[in-house]
Amino acid sequence: MKQYDEACYHVQRNVYDTCVNRYVEMSLRNSIAHPIKCSEPNCRVLLKSDMIFEILNDNNNIELLEVYDSYLDEKRLERIKKFIRCAHGCG
């Protein structure tokens, strides 16, 4: 089993990949805006977006991959100070 983040302090993983996949999918479906913690007991490390992409890709969840990617694109645009979204959908 792979380690999900270098910052995780647990020596051994106890949660199987299938359960982690379900956990990530359910977390994103419930609230895409909330950070996702490592699913190991007592681990408080937040999963990075590249790891979330990898988990979704490994599970072949194209629909949720696209939704998550769009969400991250929106967050990137929000950080651009001079970015203004057209209120009329013109571009």
PDB file of N, CA and C in Angstrom:
ATOM      1  N   MET A   1       0.838  -1.180   0.000  1.00  0.00           N
ATOM      2  CA  MET A   1       0.000   0.000   0.000  1.00  0.00           C
ATOM      3  C   MET A   1       0.885   1.245   0.000  1.00  0.00           C
ATOM      4  N   LYS A   2       0.475   2.231  -0.767  1.00  0.00           N
ATOM      5  CA  LYS A   2       1.274   3.450  -0.868  1.00  0.00           C
ATOM      6  C   LYS A   2       0.952   4.426   0.262  1.00  0.00           C
ATOM      7  N   GLN A   3       1.914   5.263   0.554  1.00  0.00           N
ATOM      8  CA  GLN A   3       1.732   6.339   1.526  1.00  0.00           C
ATOM      9  C   GLN A   3       1.045   7.489   0.795  1.00  0.00           C
ATOM     10  N   TYR A   4       0.062   8.112   1.395  1.00  0.00           N
ATOM     11  CA  TYR A   4      -0.679   9.172   0.724  1.00  0.00           C
ATOM     12  C   TYR A   4      -0.051  10.543   0.878  1.00  0.00           C
ATOM     13  N   ASP A   5       0.827  10.711   1.851  1.00  0.00           N
ATOM     14  CA  ASP A   5       1.519  11.982   2.003  1.00  0.00           C
ATOM     15  C   ASP A   5       2.776  11.754   2.822  1.00  0.00           C
ATOM     16  N   GLU A   6       3.842  12.452   2.464  1.00  0.00           N
ATOM     17  CA  GLU A   6       5.102  12.316   3.198  1.00  0.00           C
ATOM     18  C   GLU A   6       4.977  12.812   4.630  1.00  0.00           C
ATOM     19  N   ALA A   7       4.034  13.697   4.872  1.00  0.00           N
ATOM     20  CA  ALA A   7       3.856  14.261   6.214  1.00  0.00           C
ATOM     21  C   ALA A   7       3.104  13.319   7.152  1.00  0.00           C
ATOM     22  N   CYS A   8       2.504  12.277   6.621  1.00  0.00           N
ATOM     23  CA  CYS A   8       1.804  11.314   7.478  1.00  0.00           C
ATOM     24  C   CYS A   8       2.811  10.669   8.420  1.00  0.00           C
ATOM     25  N   TYR A   9       2.459  10.616   9.679  1.00  0.00           N
ATOM     26  CA  TYR A   9       3.392  10.088  10.668  1.00  0.00           C
ATOM     27  C   TYR A   9       3.155   8.619  11.004  1.00  0.00           C
ATOM     28  N   HIS A  10       2.094   8.031  10.486  1.00  0.00           N
ATOM     29  CA  HIS A  10       1.844   6.625  10.794  1.00  0.00           C
ATOM     30  C   HIS A  10       2.841   5.765  10.016  1.00  0.00           C
ATOM     31  N   VAL A  11       3.380   4.776  10.687  1.00  0.00           N
ATOM     32  CA  VAL A  11       4.400   3.922  10.088  1.00  0.00           C
ATOM     33  C   VAL A  11       3.776   2.960   9.091  1.00  0.00           C
ATOM     34  N   GLN A  12       2.609   2.500   9.398  1.00  0.00           N
ATOM     35  CA  GLN A  12       1.948   1.486   8.577  1.00  0.00           C
ATOM     36  C   GLN A  12       0.519   1.922   8.297  1.00  0.00           C
ATOM     37  N   ARG A  13       0.067   1.664   7.089  1.00  0.00           N
ATOM     38  CA  ARG A  13      -1.323   1.988   6.756  1.00  0.00           C
ATOM     39  C   ARG A  13      -2.237   0.866   7.212  1.00  0.00           C
ATOM     40  N   ASN A  14      -3.405   1.256   7.719  1.00  0.00           N
ATOM     41  CA  ASN A  14      -4.400   0.293   8.171  1.00  0.00           C
ATOM     42  C   ASN A  14      -5.649   0.297   7.303  1.00  0.00           C
ATOM     43  N   VAL A  15      -5.820   1.348   6.512  1.00  0.00           N
ATOM     44  CA  VAL A  15      -7.010   1.493   5.681  1.00  0.00           C
ATOM     45  C   VAL A  15      -6.652   1.089   4.252  1.00  0.00           C
ATOM     46  N   TYR A  16      -7.426   0.175   3.687  1.00  0.00           N
ATOM     47  CA  TYR A  16      -7.155  -0.317   2.335  1.00  0.00           C
ATOM     48  C   TYR A  16      -7.481   0.730   1.279  1.00  0.00           C
ATOM     49  N   ASP A  17      -6.820   0.616   0.129  1.00  0.00           N
ATOM     50  CA  ASP A  17      -7.005   1.568  -0.971  1.00  0.00           C
ATOM     51  C   ASP A  17      -8.467   1.716  -1.376  1.00  0.00           C
ATOM     52  N   THR A  18      -9.201   0.625  -1.421  1.00  0.00           N
ATOM     53  CA  THR A  18     -10.613   0.673  -1.804  1.00  0.00           C
ATOM     54  C   THR A  18     -11.399   1.568  -0.851  1.00  0.00           C
ATOM     55  N   CYS A  19     -11.127   1.448   0.422  1.00  0.00           N
ATOM     56  CA  CYS A  19     -11.812   2.280   1.422  1.00  0.00           C
ATOM     57  C   CYS A  19     -11.393   3.739   1.296  1.00  0.00           C
ATOM     58  N   VAL A  20     -10.124   3.985   1.005  1.00  0.00           N
ATOM     59  CA  VAL A  20      -9.643   5.354   0.817  1.00  0.00           C
ATOM     60  C   VAL A  20     -10.326   5.970  -0.394  1.00  0.00           C
ATOM     61  N   ASN A  21     -10.451   5.207  -1.476  1.00  0.00           N
ATOM     62  CA  ASN A  21     -11.138   5.696  -2.678  1.00  0.00           C
ATOM     63  C   ASN A  21     -12.565   6.114  -2.351  1.00  0.00           C
ATOM     64  N   ARG A  22     -13.280   5.263  -1.644  1.00  0.00           N
ATOM     65  CA  ARG A  22     -14.667   5.578  -1.265  1.00  0.00           C
ATOM     66  C   ARG A  22     -14.732   6.799  -0.352  1.00  0.00           C
ATOM     67  N   TYR A  23     -13.811   6.859   0.580  1.00  0.00           N
ATOM     68  CA  TYR A  23     -13.747   7.984   1.523  1.00  0.00           C
ATOM     69  C   TYR A  23     -13.540   9.312   0.779  1.00  0.00           C
ATOM     70  N   VAL A  24     -12.607   9.334  -0.170  1.00  0.00           N
ATOM     71  CA  VAL A  24     -12.333  10.551  -0.944  1.00  0.00           C
ATOM     72  C   VAL A  24     -13.546  10.916  -1.792  1.00  0.00           C
ATOM     73  N   GLU A  25     -14.132   9.939  -2.459  1.00  0.00           N
ATOM     74  CA  GLU A  25     -15.313  10.201  -3.291  1.00  0.00           C
ATOM     75  C   GLU A  25     -16.468  10.757  -2.459  1.00  0.00           C
ATOM     76  N   MET A  26     -16.749  10.132  -1.327  1.00  0.00           N
ATOM     77  CA  MET A  26     -17.848  10.599  -0.476  1.00  0.00           C
ATOM     78  C   MET A  26     -17.561  11.992   0.073  1.00  0.00           C
ATOM     79  N   SER A  27     -16.317  12.246   0.453  1.00  0.00           N
ATOM     80  CA  SER A  27     -15.944  13.560   0.975  1.00  0.00           C
ATOM     81  C   SER A  27     -16.161  14.641  -0.073  1.00  0.00           C
ATOM     82  N   LEU A  28     -15.759  14.371  -1.313  1.00  0.00           N
ATOM     83  CA  LEU A  28     -15.929  15.354  -2.386  1.00  0.00           C
ATOM     84  C   LEU A  28     -17.398  15.548  -2.738  1.00  0.00           C
ATOM     85  N   ARG A  29     -18.153  14.473  -2.757  1.00  0.00           N
ATOM     86  CA  ARG A  29     -19.579  14.589  -3.083  1.00  0.00           C
ATOM     87  C   ARG A  29     -20.344  15.345  -1.986  1.00  0.00           C
ATOM     88  N   ASN A  30     -19.944  15.157  -0.734  1.00  0.00           N
ATOM     89  CA  ASN A  30     -20.609  15.846   0.378  1.00  0.00           C
ATOM     90  C   ASN A  30     -20.288  17.336   0.398  1.00  0.00           C
ATOM     91  N   SER A  31     -19.035  17.675   0.171  1.00  0.00           N
ATOM     92  CA  SER A  31     -18.638  19.088   0.152  1.00  0.00           C
ATOM     93  C   SER A  31     -17.271  19.208  -0.491  1.00  0.00           C
ATOM     94  N   ILE A  32     -17.279  19.610  -1.746  1.00  0.00           N
ATOM     95  CA  ILE A  32     -16.026  19.695  -2.493  1.00  0.00           C
ATOM     96  C   ILE A  32     -15.105  20.775  -1.929  1.00  0.00           C
ATOM     97  N   ALA A  33     -15.669  21.719  -1.183  1.00  0.00           N
ATOM     98  CA  ALA A  33     -14.882  22.842  -0.669  1.00  0.00           C
ATOM     99  C   ALA A  33     -14.116  22.516   0.613  1.00  0.00           C
ATOM    100  N   HIS A  34     -14.442  21.423   1.273  1.00  0.00           N
ATOM    101  CA  HIS A  34     -13.760  21.088   2.517  1.00  0.00           C
ATOM    102  C   HIS A  34     -12.500  20.269   2.248  1.00  0.00           C
ATOM    103  N   PRO A  35     -11.427  20.555   2.993  1.00  0.00           N
ATOM    104  CA  PRO A  35     -10.207  19.756   2.840  1.00  0.00           C
ATOM    105  C   PRO A  35     -10.459  18.312   3.267  1.00  0.00           C
ATOM    106  N   ILE A  36      -9.690  17.398   2.701  1.00  0.00           N
ATOM    107  CA  ILE A  36      -9.846  15.977   3.010  1.00  0.00           C
ATOM    108  C   ILE A  36      -8.622  15.515   3.790  1.00  0.00           C
ATOM    109  N   LYS A  37      -8.872  14.978   4.973  1.00  0.00           N
ATOM    110  CA  LYS A  37      -7.786  14.465   5.809  1.00  0.00           C
ATOM    111  C   LYS A  37      -7.437  13.039   5.399  1.00  0.00           C
ATOM    112  N   CYS A  38      -6.222  12.651   5.708  1.00  0.00           N
ATOM    113  CA  CYS A  38      -5.810  11.259   5.546  1.00  0.00           C
ATOM    114  C   CYS A  38      -6.803  10.396   6.329  1.00  0.00           C
ATOM    115  N   SER A  39      -7.164   9.273   5.769  1.00  0.00           N
ATOM    116  CA  SER A  39      -8.191   8.427   6.391  1.00  0.00           C
ATOM    117  C   SER A  39      -7.651   7.499   7.476  1.00  0.00           C
ATOM    118  N   GLU A  40      -6.350   7.534   7.697  1.00  0.00           N
ATOM    119  CA  GLU A  40      -5.774   6.697   8.748  1.00  0.00           C
ATOM    120  C   GLU A  40      -6.179   7.222  10.127  1.00  0.00           C
ATOM    121  N   PRO A  41      -6.419   6.316  11.069  1.00  0.00           N
ATOM    122  CA  PRO A  41      -6.797   6.743  12.422  1.00  0.00           C
ATOM    123  C   PRO A  41      -5.755   7.694  13.022  1.00  0.00           C
ATOM    124  N   ASN A  42      -6.228   8.766  13.615  1.00  0.00           N
ATOM    125  CA  ASN A  42      -5.402   9.754  14.314  1.00  0.00           C
ATOM    126  C   ASN A  42      -4.423  10.516  13.430  1.00  0.00           C
ATOM    127  N   CYS A  43      -4.558  10.432  12.130  1.00  0.00           N
ATOM    128  CA  CYS A  43      -3.697  11.198  11.228  1.00  0.00           C
ATOM    129  C   CYS A  43      -4.460  12.449  10.807  1.00  0.00           C
ATOM    130  N   ARG A  44      -3.849  13.599  10.975  1.00  0.00           N
ATOM    131  CA  ARG A  44      -4.519  14.869  10.683  1.00  0.00           C
ATOM    132  C   ARG A  44      -3.997  15.540   9.410  1.00  0.00           C
ATOM    133  N   VAL A  45      -3.170  14.841   8.659  1.00  0.00           N
ATOM    134  CA  VAL A  45      -2.592  15.410   7.441  1.00  0.00           C
ATOM    135  C   VAL A  45      -3.680  15.584   6.386  1.00  0.00           C
ATOM    136  N   LEU A  46      -3.676  16.743   5.728  1.00  0.00           N
ATOM    137  CA  LEU A  46      -4.628  17.000   4.646  1.00  0.00           C
ATOM    138  C   LEU A  46      -4.056  16.474   3.338  1.00  0.00           C
ATOM    139  N   LEU A  47      -4.891  15.793   2.571  1.00  0.00           N
ATOM    140  CA  LEU A  47      -4.445  15.281   1.280  1.00  0.00           C
ATOM    141  C   LEU A  47      -4.281  16.437   0.305  1.00  0.00           C
ATOM    142  N   LYS A  48      -3.184  16.431  -0.428  1.00  0.00           N
ATOM    143  CA  LYS A  48      -2.937  17.460  -1.438  1.00  0.00           C
ATOM    144  C   LYS A  48      -3.750  17.140  -2.684  1.00  0.00           C
ATOM    145  N   SER A  49      -4.006  18.173  -3.474  1.00  0.00           N
ATOM    146  CA  SER A  49      -4.851  18.001  -4.661  1.00  0.00           C
ATOM    147  C   SER A  49      -4.279  16.984  -5.640  1.00  0.00           C
ATOM    148  N   ASP A  50      -2.951  16.928  -5.795  1.00  0.00           N
ATOM    149  CA  ASP A  50      -2.390  15.946  -6.725  1.00  0.00           C
ATOM    150  C   ASP A  50      -2.653  14.519  -6.261  1.00  0.00           C
ATOM    151  N   MET A  51      -2.672  14.296  -4.947  1.00  0.00           N
ATOM    152  CA  MET A  51      -2.977  12.961  -4.434  1.00  0.00           C
ATOM    153  C   MET A  51      -4.455  12.650  -4.622  1.00  0.00           C
ATOM    154  N   ILE A  52      -5.309  13.627  -4.450  1.00  0.00           N
ATOM    155  CA  ILE A  52      -6.742  13.411  -4.674  1.00  0.00           C
ATOM    156  C   ILE A  52      -6.984  13.064  -6.138  1.00  0.00           C
ATOM    157  N   PHE A  53      -6.311  13.787  -7.045  1.00  0.00           N
ATOM    158  CA  PHE A  53      -6.407  13.458  -8.474  1.00  0.00           C
ATOM    159  C   PHE A  53      -5.954  12.026  -8.735  1.00  0.00           C
ATOM    160  N   GLU A  54      -4.844  11.637  -8.119  1.00  0.00           N
ATOM    161  CA  GLU A  54      -4.317  10.285  -8.323  1.00  0.00           C
ATOM    162  C   GLU A  54      -5.302   9.229  -7.823  1.00  0.00           C
ATOM    163  N   ILE A  55      -5.884   9.457  -6.665  1.00  0.00           N
ATOM    164  CA  ILE A  55      -6.853   8.508  -6.109  1.00  0.00           C
ATOM    165  C   ILE A  55      -8.067   8.392  -7.023  1.00  0.00           C
ATOM    166  N   LEU A  56      -8.596   9.530  -7.479  1.00  0.00           N
ATOM    167  CA  LEU A  56      -9.757   9.507  -8.378  1.00  0.00           C
ATOM    168  C   LEU A  56      -9.410   8.847  -9.707  1.00  0.00           C
ATOM    169  N   ASN A  57      -8.229   9.135 -10.216  1.00  0.00           N
ATOM    170  CA  ASN A  57      -7.792   8.548 -11.481  1.00  0.00           C
ATOM    171  C   ASN A  57      -7.609   7.038 -11.351  1.00  0.00           C
ATOM    172  N   ASP A  58      -6.982   6.601 -10.262  1.00  0.00           N
ATOM    173  CA  ASP A  58      -6.794   5.162 -10.030  1.00  0.00           C
ATOM    174  C   ASP A  58      -8.128   4.435  -9.962  1.00  0.00           C
ATOM    175  N   ASN A  59      -9.137   5.131  -9.477  1.00  0.00           N
ATOM    176  CA  ASN A  59     -10.467   4.545  -9.344  1.00  0.00           C
ATOM    177  C   ASN A  59     -11.318   4.784 -10.594  1.00  0.00           C
ATOM    178  N   ASN A  60     -10.714   5.426 -11.608  1.00  0.00           N
ATOM    179  CA  ASN A  60     -11.374   5.693 -12.896  1.00  0.00           C
ATOM    180  C   ASN A  60     -12.673   6.485 -12.733  1.00  0.00           C
ATOM    181  N   ASN A  61     -12.659   7.431 -11.801  1.00  0.00           N
ATOM    182  CA  ASN A  61     -13.841   8.252 -11.557  1.00  0.00           C
ATOM    183  C   ASN A  61     -13.717   9.557 -12.347  1.00  0.00           C
ATOM    184  N   ILE A  62     -13.979   9.474 -13.638  1.00  0.00           N
ATOM    185  CA  ILE A  62     -13.816  10.598 -14.554  1.00  0.00           C
ATOM    186  C   ILE A  62     -14.755  11.747 -14.193  1.00  0.00           C
ATOM    187  N   GLU A  63     -15.994  11.426 -13.866  1.00  0.00           N
ATOM    188  CA  GLU A  63     -16.982  12.463 -13.531  1.00  0.00           C
ATOM    189  C   GLU A  63     -16.500  13.330 -12.369  1.00  0.00           C
ATOM    190  N   LEU A  64     -16.075  12.697 -11.289  1.00  0.00           N
ATOM    191  CA  LEU A  64     -15.634  13.446 -10.117  1.00  0.00           C
ATOM    192  C   LEU A  64     -14.291  14.136 -10.370  1.00  0.00           C
ATOM    193  N   LEU A  65     -13.448  13.533 -11.202  1.00  0.00           N
ATOM    194  CA  LEU A  65     -12.194  14.179 -11.597  1.00  0.00           C
ATOM    195  C   LEU A  65     -12.475  15.519 -12.269  1.00  0.00           C
ATOM    196  N   GLU A  66     -13.428  15.527 -13.180  1.00  0.00           N
ATOM    197  CA  GLU A  66     -13.780  16.754 -13.901  1.00  0.00           C
ATOM    198  C   GLU A  66     -14.385  17.796 -12.963  1.00  0.00           C
ATOM    199  N   VAL A  67     -15.242  17.363 -12.060  1.00  0.00           N
ATOM    200  CA  VAL A  67     -15.854  18.281 -11.096  1.00  0.00           C
ATOM    201  C   VAL A  67     -14.775  18.886 -10.190  1.00  0.00           C
ATOM    202  N   TYR A  68     -13.878  18.051  -9.697  1.00  0.00           N
ATOM    203  CA  TYR A  68     -12.814  18.526  -8.808  1.00  0.00           C
ATOM    204  C   TYR A  68     -11.865  19.466  -9.551  1.00  0.00           C
ATOM    205  N   ASP A  69     -11.539  19.136 -10.787  1.00  0.00           N
ATOM    206  CA  ASP A  69     -10.671  19.978 -11.602  1.00  0.00           C
ATOM    207  C   ASP A  69     -11.309  21.353 -11.829  1.00  0.00           C
ATOM    208  N   SER A  70     -12.598  21.376 -12.129  1.00  0.00           N
ATOM    209  CA  SER A  70     -13.313  22.648 -12.321  1.00  0.00           C
ATOM    210  C   SER A  70     -13.318  23.469 -11.036  1.00  0.00           C
ATOM    211  N   TYR A  71     -13.520  22.804  -9.917  1.00  0.00           N
ATOM    212  CA  TYR A  71     -13.502  23.485  -8.622  1.00  0.00           C
ATOM    213  C   TYR A  71     -12.138  24.145  -8.383  1.00  0.00           C
ATOM    214  N   LEU A  72     -11.054  23.404  -8.648  1.00  0.00           N
ATOM    215  CA  LEU A  72      -9.717  23.960  -8.449  1.00  0.00           C
ATOM    216  C   LEU A  72      -9.444  25.115  -9.404  1.00  0.00           C
ATOM    217  N   ASP A  73      -9.931  25.008 -10.639  1.00  0.00           N
ATOM    218  CA  ASP A  73      -9.794  26.119 -11.594  1.00  0.00           C
ATOM    219  C   ASP A  73     -10.462  27.378 -11.050  1.00  0.00           C
ATOM    220  N   GLU A  74     -11.659  27.220 -10.509  1.00  0.00           N
ATOM    221  CA  GLU A  74     -12.378  28.364  -9.934  1.00  0.00           C
ATOM    222  C   GLU A  74     -11.593  28.977  -8.776  1.00  0.00           C
ATOM    223  N   LYS A  75     -11.020  28.135  -7.927  1.00  0.00           N
ATOM    224  CA  LYS A  75     -10.240  28.626  -6.786  1.00  0.00           C
ATOM    225  C   LYS A  75      -9.009  29.386  -7.269  1.00  0.00           C
ATOM    226  N   ARG A  76      -8.370  28.901  -8.335  1.00  0.00           N
ATOM    227  CA  ARG A  76      -7.206  29.597  -8.891  1.00  0.00           C
ATOM    228  C   ARG A  76      -7.607  30.974  -9.415  1.00  0.00           C
ATOM    229  N   LEU A  77      -8.731  31.040 -10.112  1.00  0.00           N
ATOM    230  CA  LEU A  77      -9.202  32.316 -10.656  1.00  0.00           C
ATOM    231  C   LEU A  77      -9.528  33.308  -9.541  1.00  0.00           C
ATOM    232  N   GLU A  78     -10.090  32.821  -8.446  1.00  0.00           N
ATOM    233  CA  GLU A  78     -10.436  33.688  -7.317  1.00  0.00           C
ATOM    234  C   GLU A  78      -9.204  34.359  -6.715  1.00  0.00           C
ATOM    235  N   ARG A  79      -8.046  33.717  -6.850  1.00  0.00           N
ATOM    236  CA  ARG A  79      -6.813  34.265  -6.281  1.00  0.00           C
ATOM    237  C   ARG A  79      -6.183  35.349  -7.159  1.00  0.00           C
ATOM    238  N   ILE A  80      -6.643  35.480  -8.394  1.00  0.00           N
ATOM    239  CA  ILE A  80      -6.116  36.515  -9.289  1.00  0.00           C
ATOM    240  C   ILE A  80      -6.833  37.819  -8.953  1.00  0.00           C
ATOM    241  N   LYS A  81      -6.097  38.764  -8.429  1.00  0.00           N
ATOM    242  CA  LYS A  81      -6.703  40.003  -7.922  1.00  0.00           C
ATOM    243  C   LYS A  81      -7.438  40.786  -8.997  1.00  0.00           C
ATOM    244  N   LYS A  82      -6.936  40.812 -10.213  1.00  0.00           N
ATOM    245  CA  LYS A  82      -7.553  41.616 -11.268  1.00  0.00           C
ATOM    246  C   LYS A  82      -8.566  40.836 -12.103  1.00  0.00           C
ATOM    247  N   PHE A  83      -8.826  39.601 -11.738  1.00  0.00           N
ATOM    248  CA  PHE A  83      -9.782  38.793 -12.503  1.00  0.00           C
ATOM    249  C   PHE A  83     -11.208  39.240 -12.181  1.00  0.00           C
ATOM    250  N   ILE A  84     -11.984  39.476 -13.228  1.00  0.00           N
ATOM    251  CA  ILE A  84     -13.391  39.838 -13.070  1.00  0.00           C
ATOM    252  C   ILE A  84     -14.211  38.899 -13.946  1.00  0.00           C
ATOM    253  N   ARG A  85     -15.156  38.229 -13.342  1.00  0.00           N
ATOM    254  CA  ARG A  85     -16.019  37.320 -14.099  1.00  0.00           C
ATOM    255  C   ARG A  85     -17.160  38.124 -14.709  1.00  0.00           C
ATOM    256  N   CYS A  86     -17.423  37.867 -15.967  1.00  0.00           N
ATOM    257  CA  CYS A  86     -18.513  38.541 -16.666  1.00  0.00           C
ATOM    258  C   CYS A  86     -19.842  38.046 -16.095  1.00  0.00           C
ATOM    259  N   ALA A  87     -20.648  38.956 -15.620  1.00  0.00           N
ATOM    260  CA  ALA A  87     -21.925  38.598 -14.998  1.00  0.00           C
ATOM    261  C   ALA A  87     -22.965  38.138 -16.009  1.00  0.00           C
ATOM    262  N   HIS A  88     -22.734  38.410 -17.279  1.00  0.00           N
ATOM    263  CA  HIS A  88     -23.726  38.087 -18.306  1.00  0.00           C
ATOM    264  C   HIS A  88     -23.354  36.856 -19.127  1.00  0.00           C
ATOM    265  N   GLY A  89     -22.318  36.144 -18.729  1.00  0.00           N
ATOM    266  CA  GLY A  89     -21.919  34.937 -19.441  1.00  0.00           C
ATOM    267  C   GLY A  89     -21.367  35.198 -20.830  1.00  0.00           C
ATOM    268  N   CYS A  90     -20.798  36.366 -21.060  1.00  0.00           N
ATOM    269  CA  CYS A  90     -20.332  36.708 -22.403  1.00  0.00           C
ATOM    270  C   CYS A  90     -18.905  36.249 -22.673  1.00  0.00           C
ATOM    271  N   GLY A  91     -18.264  35.627 -21.741  1.00  0.00           N
ATOM    272  CA  GLY A  91     -16.907  35.173 -22.015  1.00  0.00           C
ATOM    273  C   GLY A  91     -16.096  35.195 -20.815  1.00  0.00           C
TER     274      GLY A  91
END
